[in-house]
Amino acid sequence: MPELAVDFGLFIAYLIPGFLAFLGICFVFPPAEKILASATKGQDRLGGVFAIICFIVLSGMTASIWRAGTIDRSFEYAIPLFCSVSAPQACAIKKVEPVYAALLQKGSIDAYLLAEKNDKRPYQFYGNTLIAVLILFSGWIVRNRRHGNASKSTKIVAVIGLIVLVFTLYPAARLSHYRFVSSVAQFNFGAMPSNH
């Protein structure tokens, strides 16, 4: 009988950002907030928990789609002030798709899976979390405008926290993406990807 394995990399890449995005959605979408409340109390806890899990997975996958369309695309452009030999991840990163036939060489598939685990999943997590944090912050802002229950100092702390997270998560995602693309290029061509 095959074992059911939980991929921790997929868990952090999709479910944690999905949970953050779902909380942001709860701020502006009352039915989602009701589902969240039903999971913590009431008779239909199991149904509420199942619905929340479905929403979290959906939110995480949607954040991943948005990440691929925005953050991943931004990696194709250099950050001129920081692009250098010592910081190649700040240069334009050419996207490289794996040539699966090249992975058939002895040991290549194991090395590819290791690169996926060590670099692809982290960059997905950082990028997805960045998108999720933006959704969470936007939802909080909308709710606060409706109800006006946050003090000025709370708003300032929230904006500072958002800025710190953006300037932490984006460079981390870019570096992990560069490492993964570099590994894939080595498997495919035996060379590093060319920077523009």
C-alpha atoms as a PDB file:
ATOM      1  CA  MET A   1       0.000   0.000   0.000  1.00  0.00           C
ATOM      2  CA  PRO A   2       1.494   3.383  -0.979  1.00  0.00           C
ATOM      3  CA  GLU A   3       2.281   5.830   1.818  1.00  0.00           C
ATOM      4  CA  LEU A   4       0.548   9.172   1.969  1.00  0.00           C
ATOM      5  CA  ALA A   5       3.335  11.744   2.111  1.00  0.00           C
ATOM      6  CA  VAL A   6       2.909  15.390   3.069  1.00  0.00           C
ATOM      7  CA  ASP A   7       5.291  17.672   1.206  1.00  0.00           C
ATOM      8  CA  PHE A   8       6.323  20.308   3.754  1.00  0.00           C
ATOM      9  CA  GLY A   9       7.649  22.517   0.941  1.00  0.00           C
ATOM     10  CA  LEU A  10       4.227  22.635  -0.689  1.00  0.00           C
ATOM     11  CA  PHE A  11       2.670  23.282   2.713  1.00  0.00           C
ATOM     12  CA  ILE A  12       4.729  26.399   3.312  1.00  0.00           C
ATOM     13  CA  ALA A  13       4.611  27.536  -0.320  1.00  0.00           C
ATOM     14  CA  TYR A  14       0.814  27.524  -0.552  1.00  0.00           C
ATOM     15  CA  LEU A  15      -1.026  26.962   2.733  1.00  0.00           C
ATOM     16  CA  ILE A  16       0.645  29.558   4.948  1.00  0.00           C
ATOM     17  CA  PRO A  17       0.289  32.329   2.325  1.00  0.00           C
ATOM     18  CA  GLY A  18      -3.222  31.051   1.620  1.00  0.00           C
ATOM     19  CA  PHE A  19      -4.134  31.441   5.280  1.00  0.00           C
ATOM     20  CA  LEU A  20      -2.836  35.044   5.326  1.00  0.00           C
ATOM     21  CA  ALA A  21      -4.706  35.881   2.108  1.00  0.00           C
ATOM     22  CA  PHE A  22      -7.874  34.261   3.484  1.00  0.00           C
ATOM     23  CA  LEU A  23      -7.678  36.484   6.588  1.00  0.00           C
ATOM     24  CA  GLY A  24      -7.407  39.513   4.300  1.00  0.00           C
ATOM     25  CA  ILE A  25     -10.446  38.328   2.357  1.00  0.00           C
ATOM     26  CA  CYS A  26     -12.370  37.889   5.630  1.00  0.00           C
ATOM     27  CA  PHE A  27     -11.865  41.602   6.331  1.00  0.00           C
ATOM     28  CA  VAL A  28     -13.858  42.602   3.226  1.00  0.00           C
ATOM     29  CA  PHE A  29     -16.045  39.581   2.387  1.00  0.00           C
ATOM     30  CA  PRO A  30     -18.633  38.879   5.131  1.00  0.00           C
ATOM     31  CA  PRO A  31     -19.505  35.318   3.952  1.00  0.00           C
ATOM     32  CA  ALA A  32     -15.854  34.282   4.400  1.00  0.00           C
ATOM     33  CA  GLU A  33     -15.847  35.844   7.864  1.00  0.00           C
ATOM     34  CA  LYS A  34     -18.997  33.868   8.738  1.00  0.00           C
ATOM     35  CA  ILE A  35     -17.317  30.634   7.613  1.00  0.00           C
ATOM     36  CA  LEU A  36     -14.332  31.478   9.825  1.00  0.00           C
ATOM     37  CA  ALA A  37     -16.645  32.122  12.773  1.00  0.00           C
ATOM     38  CA  SER A  38     -18.548  28.871  12.170  1.00  0.00           C
ATOM     39  CA  ALA A  39     -15.318  26.886  12.412  1.00  0.00           C
ATOM     40  CA  THR A  40     -14.636  28.194  15.904  1.00  0.00           C
ATOM     41  CA  LYS A  41     -18.126  27.812  17.337  1.00  0.00           C
ATOM     42  CA  GLY A  42     -21.487  26.341  16.538  1.00  0.00           C
ATOM     43  CA  GLN A  43     -22.677  22.889  15.610  1.00  0.00           C
ATOM     44  CA  ASP A  44     -21.216  22.694  12.101  1.00  0.00           C
ATOM     45  CA  ARG A  45     -17.555  23.003  13.053  1.00  0.00           C
ATOM     46  CA  LEU A  46     -16.443  20.201  10.751  1.00  0.00           C
ATOM     47  CA  GLY A  47     -18.152  21.793   7.747  1.00  0.00           C
ATOM     48  CA  GLY A  48     -16.673  25.168   8.664  1.00  0.00           C
ATOM     49  CA  VAL A  49     -13.161  23.761   9.011  1.00  0.00           C
ATOM     50  CA  PHE A  50     -13.478  21.969   5.661  1.00  0.00           C
ATOM     51  CA  ALA A  51     -14.721  25.164   3.981  1.00  0.00           C
ATOM     52  CA  ILE A  52     -11.833  27.143   5.509  1.00  0.00           C
ATOM     53  CA  ILE A  53      -9.290  24.599   4.272  1.00  0.00           C
ATOM     54  CA  CYS A  54     -10.789  24.829   0.779  1.00  0.00           C
ATOM     55  CA  PHE A  55     -10.658  28.645   0.897  1.00  0.00           C
ATOM     56  CA  ILE A  56      -7.067  28.592   2.179  1.00  0.00           C
ATOM     57  CA  VAL A  57      -5.927  26.266  -0.616  1.00  0.00           C
ATOM     58  CA  LEU A  58      -7.788  28.369  -3.186  1.00  0.00           C
ATOM     59  CA  SER A  59      -6.308  31.582  -1.753  1.00  0.00           C
ATOM     60  CA  GLY A  60      -2.794  30.100  -1.745  1.00  0.00           C
ATOM     61  CA  MET A  61      -3.063  28.897  -5.326  1.00  0.00           C
ATOM     62  CA  THR A  62      -4.482  32.266  -6.429  1.00  0.00           C
ATOM     63  CA  ALA A  63      -1.634  34.090  -4.670  1.00  0.00           C
ATOM     64  CA  SER A  64       0.766  31.790  -6.528  1.00  0.00           C
ATOM     65  CA  ILE A  65      -0.823  32.691  -9.880  1.00  0.00           C
ATOM     66  CA  TRP A  66      -0.518  36.389  -9.062  1.00  0.00           C
ATOM     67  CA  ARG A  67       3.082  35.856  -7.950  1.00  0.00           C
ATOM     68  CA  ALA A  68       3.925  34.165 -11.249  1.00  0.00           C
ATOM     69  CA  GLY A  69       2.359  37.006 -13.202  1.00  0.00           C
ATOM     70  CA  THR A  70       3.912  39.874 -11.255  1.00  0.00           C
ATOM     71  CA  ILE A  71       6.847  39.069  -8.996  1.00  0.00           C
ATOM     72  CA  ASP A  72       8.335  36.340 -11.205  1.00  0.00           C
ATOM     73  CA  ARG A  73       8.039  38.622 -14.227  1.00  0.00           C
ATOM     74  CA  SER A  74       9.899  41.369 -12.363  1.00  0.00           C
ATOM     75  CA  PHE A  75      12.900  39.050 -12.034  1.00  0.00           C
ATOM     76  CA  GLU A  76      13.452  39.456 -15.788  1.00  0.00           C
ATOM     77  CA  TYR A  77      14.481  43.083 -15.187  1.00  0.00           C
ATOM     78  CA  ALA A  78      17.722  44.228 -13.608  1.00  0.00           C
ATOM     79  CA  ILE A  79      17.889  46.412 -10.534  1.00  0.00           C
ATOM     80  CA  PRO A  80      20.639  48.689 -11.912  1.00  0.00           C
ATOM     81  CA  LEU A  81      21.833  50.105  -8.588  1.00  0.00           C
ATOM     82  CA  PHE A  82      22.482  46.630  -7.150  1.00  0.00           C
ATOM     83  CA  CYS A  83      23.327  44.540 -10.239  1.00  0.00           C
ATOM     84  CA  SER A  84      26.937  43.425  -9.918  1.00  0.00           C
ATOM     85  CA  VAL A  85      29.181  40.376  -9.973  1.00  0.00           C
ATOM     86  CA  SER A  86      28.751  40.035  -6.208  1.00  0.00           C
ATOM     87  CA  ALA A  87      24.931  40.315  -6.495  1.00  0.00           C
ATOM     88  CA  PRO A  88      23.984  38.519  -9.741  1.00  0.00           C
ATOM     89  CA  GLN A  89      20.436  37.996  -8.470  1.00  0.00           C
ATOM     90  CA  ALA A  90      19.886  41.762  -8.875  1.00  0.00           C
ATOM     91  CA  CYS A  91      20.663  41.480 -12.595  1.00  0.00           C
ATOM     92  CA  ALA A  92      18.034  40.348 -15.091  1.00  0.00           C
ATOM     93  CA  ILE A  93      17.336  36.650 -14.583  1.00  0.00           C
ATOM     94  CA  LYS A  94      16.503  34.765 -17.760  1.00  0.00           C
ATOM     95  CA  LYS A  95      13.819  32.151 -17.149  1.00  0.00           C
ATOM     96  CA  VAL A  96      15.023  28.596 -17.787  1.00  0.00           C
ATOM     97  CA  GLU A  97      12.661  25.649 -18.040  1.00  0.00           C
ATOM     98  CA  PRO A  98      14.069  22.218 -17.205  1.00  0.00           C
ATOM     99  CA  VAL A  99      14.888  19.914 -20.116  1.00  0.00           C
ATOM    100  CA  TYR A 100      13.572  16.702 -18.605  1.00  0.00           C
ATOM    101  CA  ALA A 101      15.618  14.505 -20.944  1.00  0.00           C
ATOM    102  CA  ALA A 102      18.770  16.046 -19.443  1.00  0.00           C
ATOM    103  CA  LEU A 103      17.591  14.991 -15.986  1.00  0.00           C
ATOM    104  CA  LEU A 104      17.755  11.320 -16.991  1.00  0.00           C
ATOM    105  CA  GLN A 105      21.518  11.331 -16.500  1.00  0.00           C
ATOM    106  CA  LYS A 106      22.655   9.490 -13.410  1.00  0.00           C
ATOM    107  CA  GLY A 107      22.052  11.558 -10.309  1.00  0.00           C
ATOM    108  CA  SER A 108      20.543  14.537 -12.142  1.00  0.00           C
ATOM    109  CA  ILE A 109      16.967  13.910 -11.064  1.00  0.00           C
ATOM    110  CA  ASP A 110      17.988  13.716  -7.392  1.00  0.00           C
ATOM    111  CA  ALA A 111      19.968  16.934  -7.733  1.00  0.00           C
ATOM    112  CA  TYR A 112      17.018  18.616  -9.466  1.00  0.00           C
ATOM    113  CA  LEU A 113      14.612  17.543  -6.708  1.00  0.00           C
ATOM    114  CA  LEU A 114      17.052  18.877  -4.125  1.00  0.00           C
ATOM    115  CA  ALA A 115      17.276  22.212  -5.974  1.00  0.00           C
ATOM    116  CA  GLU A 116      13.494  22.319  -6.140  1.00  0.00           C
ATOM    117  CA  LYS A 117      13.250  21.666  -2.417  1.00  0.00           C
ATOM    118  CA  ASN A 118      16.014  24.079  -1.374  1.00  0.00           C
ATOM    119  CA  ASP A 119      15.389  26.954  -3.806  1.00  0.00           C
ATOM    120  CA  LYS A 120      12.101  26.696  -5.728  1.00  0.00           C
ATOM    121  CA  ARG A 121       9.829  26.115  -2.744  1.00  0.00           C
ATOM    122  CA  PRO A 122      11.423  28.957  -0.732  1.00  0.00           C
ATOM    123  CA  TYR A 123      11.073  31.450  -3.590  1.00  0.00           C
ATOM    124  CA  GLN A 124       7.452  30.372  -4.046  1.00  0.00           C
ATOM    125  CA  PHE A 125       6.897  30.832  -0.317  1.00  0.00           C
ATOM    126  CA  TYR A 126       8.524  34.275  -0.220  1.00  0.00           C
ATOM    127  CA  GLY A 127       6.663  35.486  -3.315  1.00  0.00           C
ATOM    128  CA  ASN A 128       3.311  33.963  -2.338  1.00  0.00           C
ATOM    129  CA  THR A 129       3.664  35.367   1.177  1.00  0.00           C
ATOM    130  CA  LEU A 130       4.430  38.806  -0.237  1.00  0.00           C
ATOM    131  CA  ILE A 131       1.230  38.689  -2.320  1.00  0.00           C
ATOM    132  CA  ALA A 132      -0.730  37.344   0.687  1.00  0.00           C
ATOM    133  CA  VAL A 133       0.597  40.080   2.985  1.00  0.00           C
ATOM    134  CA  LEU A 134      -0.483  42.702   0.435  1.00  0.00           C
ATOM    135  CA  ILE A 135      -3.977  41.127   0.345  1.00  0.00           C
ATOM    136  CA  LEU A 136      -4.102  41.007   4.148  1.00  0.00           C
ATOM    137  CA  PHE A 137      -2.965  44.623   4.471  1.00  0.00           C
ATOM    138  CA  SER A 138      -5.400  45.804   1.773  1.00  0.00           C
ATOM    139  CA  GLY A 139      -8.277  43.985   3.476  1.00  0.00           C
ATOM    140  CA  TRP A 140      -7.324  45.500   6.819  1.00  0.00           C
ATOM    141  CA  ILE A 141      -7.209  48.999   5.280  1.00  0.00           C
ATOM    142  CA  VAL A 142     -10.645  48.567   3.661  1.00  0.00           C
ATOM    143  CA  ARG A 143     -12.147  47.281   6.917  1.00  0.00           C
ATOM    144  CA  ASN A 144     -10.530  50.088   8.878  1.00  0.00           C
ATOM    145  CA  ARG A 145     -11.960  52.691   6.494  1.00  0.00           C
ATOM    146  CA  ARG A 146     -15.428  51.215   6.956  1.00  0.00           C
ATOM    147  CA  HIS A 147     -15.270  50.955  10.749  1.00  0.00           C
ATOM    148  CA  GLY A 148     -12.444  53.374  11.620  1.00  0.00           C
ATOM    149  CA  ASN A 149     -11.376  51.420  14.686  1.00  0.00           C
ATOM    150  CA  ALA A 150      -7.569  51.605  14.324  1.00  0.00           C
ATOM    151  CA  SER A 151      -5.557  54.385  15.914  1.00  0.00           C
ATOM    152  CA  LYS A 152      -3.059  56.479  13.984  1.00  0.00           C
ATOM    153  CA  SER A 153      -0.126  54.786  15.727  1.00  0.00           C
ATOM    154  CA  THR A 154      -1.523  51.346  14.790  1.00  0.00           C
ATOM    155  CA  LYS A 155      -1.737  52.419  11.152  1.00  0.00           C
ATOM    156  CA  ILE A 156       1.850  53.706  11.217  1.00  0.00           C
ATOM    157  CA  VAL A 157       3.106  50.439  12.741  1.00  0.00           C
ATOM    158  CA  ALA A 158       1.150  48.457  10.115  1.00  0.00           C
ATOM    159  CA  VAL A 159       2.644  50.483   7.241  1.00  0.00           C
ATOM    160  CA  ILE A 160       6.174  50.128   8.658  1.00  0.00           C
ATOM    161  CA  GLY A 161       5.605  46.389   9.089  1.00  0.00           C
ATOM    162  CA  LEU A 162       4.402  46.116   5.492  1.00  0.00           C
ATOM    163  CA  ILE A 163       7.451  47.994   4.190  1.00  0.00           C
ATOM    164  CA  VAL A 164       9.808  45.776   6.204  1.00  0.00           C
ATOM    165  CA  LEU A 165       8.097  42.634   4.895  1.00  0.00           C
ATOM    166  CA  VAL A 166       8.220  43.829   1.277  1.00  0.00           C
ATOM    167  CA  PHE A 167      11.930  44.696   1.545  1.00  0.00           C
ATOM    168  CA  THR A 168      12.608  41.325   3.200  1.00  0.00           C
ATOM    169  CA  LEU A 169      10.468  38.959   1.129  1.00  0.00           C
ATOM    170  CA  TYR A 170      11.139  40.345  -2.353  1.00  0.00           C
ATOM    171  CA  PRO A 171      14.980  40.113  -2.231  1.00  0.00           C
ATOM    172  CA  ALA A 172      14.700  36.663  -0.624  1.00  0.00           C
ATOM    173  CA  ALA A 173      12.377  35.500  -3.413  1.00  0.00           C
ATOM    174  CA  ARG A 174      14.688  36.947  -6.067  1.00  0.00           C
ATOM    175  CA  LEU A 175      17.777  35.249  -4.597  1.00  0.00           C
ATOM    176  CA  SER A 176      16.065  31.849  -4.266  1.00  0.00           C
ATOM    177  CA  HIS A 177      14.692  32.168  -7.801  1.00  0.00           C
ATOM    178  CA  TYR A 178      18.170  32.978  -9.135  1.00  0.00           C
ATOM    179  CA  ARG A 179      19.639  29.940  -7.376  1.00  0.00           C
ATOM    180  CA  PHE A 180      16.933  27.652  -8.750  1.00  0.00           C
ATOM    181  CA  VAL A 181      17.273  28.975 -12.310  1.00  0.00           C
ATOM    182  CA  SER A 182      21.060  28.618 -12.057  1.00  0.00           C
ATOM    183  CA  SER A 183      20.688  24.990 -10.999  1.00  0.00           C
ATOM    184  CA  VAL A 184      18.232  24.228 -13.805  1.00  0.00           C
ATOM    185  CA  ALA A 185      20.561  25.865 -16.335  1.00  0.00           C
ATOM    186  CA  GLN A 186      23.427  23.669 -15.109  1.00  0.00           C
ATOM    187  CA  PHE A 187      21.303  20.545 -15.505  1.00  0.00           C
ATOM    188  CA  ASN A 188      20.224  21.624 -18.989  1.00  0.00           C
ATOM    189  CA  PHE A 189      23.364  23.101 -20.449  1.00  0.00           C
ATOM    190  CA  GLY A 190      26.153  22.674 -17.935  1.00  0.00           C
ATOM    191  CA  ALA A 191      26.379  26.471 -17.622  1.00  0.00           C
ATOM    192  CA  MET A 192      24.999  29.319 -15.566  1.00  0.00           C
ATOM    193  CA  PRO A 193      22.068  31.315 -16.987  1.00  0.00           C
ATOM    194  CA  SER A 194      23.059  34.419 -18.908  1.00  0.00           C
ATOM    195  CA  ASN A 195      22.175  37.754 -17.341  1.00  0.00           C
ATOM    196  CA  HIS A 196      21.054  40.578 -19.588  1.00  0.00           C
END
